[in-house]
Amino acid sequence: MQEPNTPAEVNANEPAVGDTAPEANAQDTQATRIAELEAALEEAKAQVLYVKAEGENIRRRALDDIDKARKFALEKFSGELLAVKDSLDAALAVENADVDSYKNGVELTAKQLLSVFEKFNIAEINPLGEKFDPNKHQAISMVPAEGEPNTVLSVLQKGYSLNERVLRPALVTVIQAK
C-alpha cells in the first residue's frame, strides 16, 4: 500500500492557486476584447449600410430634381408668351377693323414679344453692314457690289441668340470680293 501524499507532494502535483489567476484573466481579457471588436464591427457595418442608403436617396432625389427641371424649365417663358398669344387671339376676334387698327395691334403685340425676349435674354442678330461672321451668320449668296468684301449687304432673315449663344443664325447676302 502506498502512503497518502504528503501536503507538499499534493501541492507539487496541482497548479498553484496563484498560477491559474493570470491565465484566466488573460482569457477573460481576450474574450472581452473580441466581444468589443465584434460589437464595433457590427456598428461599422450598420454605419456603412446607412451611408450607402443615404447616398442612394440623395442620388434618387437629384435625378427627380433634374427630371423636374427639364419638365418645367420653360414654365416662366411659356407663361410670358401666353400674354402675346392672348393679344394675337384678341386681334383675330375683332370684326370690321380697318388696316390701321390691325397694324397698331400687331405693333403692340410685337412690343410684348420683344419685352419677353429681353426678359429672357433673347437678342436679335441683325448684322446689316457688319463683317460676315460664320458663327452668327449664314451666307445665302455673295453678290458683286460696292463696299468692303465679306460685309453683310442685306439680311434676309434675322438671327437670334440666347444668352449670347446663337439660337438661329441670320440669313445674309455678302459682298463678293472683286
Protein backbone atom coordinates (compact mmCIF):
# COMPACT_ATOMS: atom_id res chain seq x y z
CA MET A 1 0.00 0.00 0.00
CA GLN A 2 1.08 3.44 -0.69
CA GLU A 3 1.01 6.10 1.75
CA PRO A 4 -1.12 9.10 1.08
CA ASN A 5 0.60 12.01 -0.44
CA THR A 6 2.02 14.49 1.87
CA PRO A 7 0.79 18.05 1.63
CA ALA A 8 4.00 19.10 -0.08
CA GLU A 9 3.54 16.44 -2.74
CA VAL A 10 -0.07 17.39 -3.27
CA ASN A 11 0.94 20.97 -3.86
CA ALA A 12 3.61 19.87 -6.31
CA ASN A 13 1.15 17.88 -8.44
CA GLU A 14 -1.57 20.56 -8.57
CA PRO A 15 -1.09 24.01 -10.03
CA ALA A 16 -0.74 26.71 -7.50
CA VAL A 17 -3.74 28.85 -6.81
CA GLY A 18 -1.88 31.97 -7.91
CA ASP A 19 -0.81 30.33 -11.21
CA THR A 20 -4.38 29.94 -12.65
CA ALA A 21 -5.48 33.51 -12.00
CA PRO A 22 -3.22 35.27 -14.59
CA GLU A 23 -4.09 32.71 -17.28
CA ALA A 24 -7.83 33.04 -16.60
CA ASN A 25 -7.58 36.84 -16.51
CA ALA A 26 -5.78 36.83 -19.88
CA GLN A 27 -8.52 34.66 -21.40
CA ASP A 28 -11.25 36.89 -19.93
CA THR A 29 -9.47 39.98 -21.26
CA GLN A 30 -9.15 38.43 -24.74
CA ALA A 31 -12.80 37.37 -24.76
CA THR A 32 -13.86 40.85 -23.66
CA ARG A 33 -11.68 42.43 -26.33
CA ILE A 34 -13.09 40.10 -29.02
CA ALA A 35 -16.64 40.96 -27.93
CA GLU A 36 -15.82 44.68 -28.10
CA LEU A 37 -14.29 44.33 -31.57
CA GLU A 38 -17.27 42.31 -32.83
CA ALA A 39 -19.63 44.98 -31.49
CA ALA A 40 -17.56 47.72 -33.17
CA LEU A 41 -17.58 45.72 -36.43
CA GLU A 42 -21.36 45.39 -36.32
CA GLU A 43 -21.69 49.12 -35.64
CA ALA A 44 -19.36 49.92 -38.56
CA LYS A 45 -21.39 47.62 -40.83
CA ALA A 46 -24.59 49.41 -39.79
CA GLN A 47 -22.98 52.80 -40.47
CA VAL A 48 -21.81 51.67 -43.92
CA LEU A 49 -25.32 50.47 -44.77
CA TYR A 50 -26.78 53.76 -43.53
CA VAL A 51 -24.33 55.83 -45.58
CA LYS A 52 -24.97 53.67 -48.64
CA ALA A 53 -28.74 54.08 -48.28
CA GLU A 54 -28.38 57.82 -47.73
CA GLY A 55 -26.22 58.11 -50.86
CA GLU A 56 -28.83 56.23 -52.88
CA ASN A 57 -31.57 58.54 -51.55
CA ILE A 58 -29.54 61.61 -52.50
CA ARG A 59 -28.93 60.18 -55.99
CA ARG A 60 -32.66 59.46 -56.44
CA ARG A 61 -33.62 62.96 -55.24
CA ALA A 62 -31.08 64.53 -57.61
CA LEU A 63 -32.49 62.55 -60.54
CA ASP A 64 -36.01 63.66 -59.59
CA ASP A 65 -34.84 67.28 -59.39
CA ILE A 66 -33.18 67.04 -62.80
CA ASP A 67 -36.32 65.50 -64.28
CA LYS A 68 -38.49 68.28 -62.82
CA ALA A 69 -36.05 70.93 -64.05
CA ARG A 70 -36.30 69.51 -67.59
CA LYS A 71 -40.08 69.34 -67.48
CA PHE A 72 -40.61 72.81 -66.07
CA ALA A 73 -37.59 74.73 -67.41
CA LEU A 74 -39.77 76.66 -69.85
CA GLU A 75 -42.58 77.34 -67.39
CA LYS A 76 -41.77 81.05 -66.84
CA PHE A 77 -41.03 81.64 -70.51
CA SER A 78 -44.24 79.90 -71.55
CA GLY A 79 -46.25 81.96 -69.06
CA GLU A 80 -44.87 85.17 -70.55
CA LEU A 81 -45.69 84.03 -74.08
CA LEU A 82 -49.32 83.45 -73.12
CA ALA A 83 -49.87 87.23 -72.99
CA VAL A 84 -48.58 87.50 -76.57
CA LYS A 85 -50.87 84.67 -77.65
CA ASP A 86 -53.82 86.38 -75.96
CA SER A 87 -53.09 89.60 -77.89
CA LEU A 88 -52.97 87.70 -81.17
CA ASP A 89 -56.25 85.94 -80.36
CA ALA A 90 -57.88 89.26 -79.49
CA ALA A 91 -56.72 90.72 -82.83
CA LEU A 92 -58.22 87.81 -84.72
CA ALA A 93 -61.52 88.13 -82.85
CA VAL A 94 -62.01 91.77 -83.91
CA GLU A 95 -64.54 92.18 -86.71
CA ASN A 96 -64.87 95.13 -89.04
CA ALA A 97 -61.47 96.52 -88.13
CA ASP A 98 -59.53 98.66 -90.55
CA VAL A 99 -55.92 98.11 -91.56
CA ASP A 100 -54.63 100.82 -89.22
CA SER A 101 -56.17 99.21 -86.13
CA TYR A 102 -54.73 95.82 -87.13
CA LYS A 103 -51.34 97.43 -87.68
CA ASN A 104 -51.48 99.10 -84.25
CA GLY A 105 -52.48 95.80 -82.63
CA VAL A 106 -49.67 93.92 -84.33
CA GLU A 107 -47.16 96.59 -83.26
CA LEU A 108 -48.32 96.31 -79.64
CA THR A 109 -48.08 92.52 -79.83
CA ALA A 110 -44.56 92.78 -81.31
CA LYS A 111 -43.59 95.06 -78.40
CA GLN A 112 -44.95 92.48 -75.95
CA LEU A 113 -42.90 89.78 -77.66
CA LEU A 114 -39.74 91.91 -77.58
CA SER A 115 -40.34 92.52 -73.88
CA VAL A 116 -40.48 88.76 -73.30
CA PHE A 117 -37.29 88.33 -75.34
CA GLU A 118 -35.49 90.97 -73.27
CA LYS A 119 -36.66 89.38 -70.04
CA PHE A 120 -35.18 86.03 -71.07
CA ASN A 121 -32.00 87.38 -72.74
CA ILE A 122 -33.04 86.55 -76.29
CA ALA A 123 -31.28 89.03 -78.56
CA GLU A 124 -31.87 89.80 -82.20
CA ILE A 125 -28.96 89.37 -84.62
CA ASN A 126 -29.31 91.98 -87.37
CA PRO A 127 -25.83 92.27 -88.91
CA LEU A 128 -26.52 94.71 -91.75
CA GLY A 129 -23.24 96.43 -92.67
CA GLU A 130 -21.12 94.26 -90.34
CA LYS A 131 -18.32 91.90 -91.29
CA PHE A 132 -19.54 88.39 -92.09
CA ASP A 133 -19.15 86.10 -89.04
CA PRO A 134 -19.80 82.41 -89.80
CA ASN A 135 -20.53 81.84 -86.10
CA LYS A 136 -23.51 84.23 -86.20
CA HIS A 137 -24.43 84.46 -89.88
CA GLN A 138 -25.31 82.08 -92.66
CA ALA A 139 -24.47 83.39 -96.13
CA ILE A 140 -27.14 82.60 -98.72
CA SER A 141 -25.26 84.26 -101.55
CA MET A 142 -22.39 86.52 -102.47
CA VAL A 143 -23.01 89.39 -104.86
CA PRO A 144 -20.69 91.87 -106.50
CA ALA A 145 -21.34 95.29 -105.03
CA GLU A 146 -19.62 98.44 -103.88
CA GLY A 147 -18.13 98.15 -100.44
CA GLU A 148 -15.70 96.10 -98.47
CA PRO A 149 -15.65 92.37 -99.36
CA ASN A 150 -17.22 89.94 -96.86
CA THR A 151 -19.52 92.63 -95.48
CA VAL A 152 -23.19 91.85 -94.97
CA LEU A 153 -25.12 93.58 -97.76
CA SER A 154 -28.63 92.51 -96.80
CA VAL A 155 -30.37 90.46 -94.14
CA LEU A 156 -32.96 88.02 -95.45
CA GLN A 157 -33.89 86.69 -92.01
CA LYS A 158 -32.76 87.99 -88.64
CA GLY A 159 -30.96 85.65 -86.32
CA TYR A 160 -31.42 85.25 -82.58
CA SER A 161 -29.18 84.40 -79.64
CA LEU A 162 -29.99 83.21 -76.14
CA ASN A 163 -27.54 84.47 -73.51
CA GLU A 164 -25.06 85.22 -76.30
CA ARG A 165 -25.35 81.69 -77.74
CA VAL A 166 -26.73 81.54 -81.28
CA LEU A 167 -30.22 80.04 -81.49
CA ARG A 168 -30.58 80.75 -85.17
CA PRO A 169 -28.00 82.39 -87.44
CA ALA A 170 -29.01 85.39 -89.52
CA LEU A 171 -29.51 84.58 -93.21
CA VAL A 172 -27.49 87.15 -95.15
CA THR A 173 -26.19 88.22 -98.53
CA VAL A 174 -22.50 89.12 -98.51
CA ILE A 175 -20.48 91.45 -100.74
CA GLN A 176 -18.22 89.43 -103.00
CA ALA A 177 -14.51 90.14 -103.29
CA LYS A 178 -13.60 91.66 -106.65
